[in-house]
Amino acid sequence: MKMTMHIDKDLLKRVMETYGYASKTQAVDMALRELDRKEKLREFGRNGLGLTPDELADAVDPNYNLMAMRIAEIPPKYGK
């Protein structure tokens, strides 16, 4: 859809350079998609995924062990 918009040109330039967008249209499209994605995540937080506890339990691999994964992580090295 073609339209006229008033967008801060310096902000648009920074976003395009930071994220490597080749066009203004691409930058605006991705910004709108990101805002939409964030709102969907908020909705999931407010309303859940719409699964019963049993459905949710079935959706997780029974061999998944969060604590084992945390222990296996290589700790980050800070400083030197």
Protein backbone atom coordinates (compact mmCIF):
# COMPACT_ATOMS: atom_id res chain seq x y z
CA MET A 1 0.00 0.00 0.00
CA LYS A 2 1.39 3.36 -0.93
CA MET A 3 1.04 6.23 1.56
CA THR A 4 2.65 9.42 2.76
CA MET A 5 4.09 9.43 6.27
CA HIS A 6 6.09 11.87 8.36
CA ILE A 7 9.00 9.92 9.88
CA ASP A 8 12.03 11.27 11.69
CA LYS A 9 14.66 10.99 8.95
CA ASP A 10 17.61 10.71 11.35
CA LEU A 11 15.89 7.91 13.28
CA LEU A 12 15.04 6.08 10.07
CA LYS A 13 18.63 6.43 8.84
CA ARG A 14 20.02 5.06 12.14
CA VAL A 15 17.65 2.09 12.07
CA MET A 16 18.49 1.31 8.45
CA GLU A 17 22.24 1.47 9.15
CA THR A 18 22.05 -0.44 12.44
CA TYR A 19 20.00 -3.32 11.06
CA GLY A 20 21.23 -3.24 7.48
CA TYR A 21 17.92 -2.52 5.80
CA ALA A 22 18.29 -1.68 2.13
CA SER A 23 15.14 0.44 1.91
CA LYS A 24 12.92 2.67 4.00
CA THR A 25 9.99 0.37 3.24
CA GLN A 26 11.89 -2.62 4.62
CA ALA A 27 12.82 -0.73 7.81
CA VAL A 28 9.24 0.42 8.45
CA ASP A 29 7.84 -3.03 7.66
CA MET A 30 10.21 -4.71 10.10
CA ALA A 31 9.47 -2.13 12.82
CA LEU A 32 5.74 -2.78 12.48
CA ARG A 33 6.28 -6.54 12.55
CA GLU A 34 8.38 -6.21 15.72
CA LEU A 35 5.69 -4.16 17.47
CA ASP A 36 3.10 -6.76 16.45
CA ARG A 37 5.32 -9.59 17.71
CA LYS A 38 5.78 -7.87 21.08
CA GLU A 39 2.03 -7.42 21.50
CA LYS A 40 1.41 -11.10 20.71
CA LEU A 41 3.93 -12.05 23.41
CA ARG A 42 2.15 -9.75 25.87
CA GLU A 43 -1.16 -11.43 24.99
CA PHE A 44 0.39 -14.85 25.67
CA GLY A 45 1.59 -13.52 29.02
CA ARG A 46 -1.86 -12.21 29.92
CA ASN A 47 -3.98 -15.04 28.50
CA GLY A 48 -1.65 -18.01 28.36
CA LEU A 49 -1.24 -20.23 25.34
CA GLY A 50 -4.79 -21.58 25.44
CA LEU A 51 -3.57 -25.03 26.50
CA THR A 52 -4.82 -27.14 29.37
CA PRO A 53 -2.20 -28.19 31.93
CA ASP A 54 -2.17 -31.68 30.38
CA GLU A 55 -1.72 -30.29 26.85
CA LEU A 56 1.09 -28.07 28.07
CA ALA A 57 2.81 -31.01 29.79
CA ASP A 58 2.50 -33.05 26.59
CA ALA A 59 4.12 -30.20 24.62
CA VAL A 60 7.38 -30.48 26.61
CA ASP A 61 9.88 -33.26 25.95
CA PRO A 62 9.73 -35.57 28.99
CA ASN A 63 13.55 -35.88 28.88
CA TYR A 64 14.00 -32.11 29.16
CA ASN A 65 15.87 -31.27 32.35
CA LEU A 66 16.36 -27.56 32.90
CA MET A 67 18.67 -28.00 35.89
CA ALA A 68 20.93 -30.40 33.98
CA MET A 69 21.17 -27.89 31.14
CA ARG A 70 22.03 -25.06 33.53
CA ILE A 71 24.77 -27.12 35.17
CA ALA A 72 26.18 -28.07 31.76
CA GLU A 73 26.43 -24.44 30.63
CA ILE A 74 29.91 -23.02 30.42
CA PRO A 75 30.01 -20.05 32.78
CA PRO A 76 30.88 -16.72 31.18
CA LYS A 77 34.35 -15.31 31.77
CA TYR A 78 34.43 -11.73 32.92
CA GLY A 79 37.43 -9.46 32.86
CA LYS A 80 40.67 -11.05 31.64
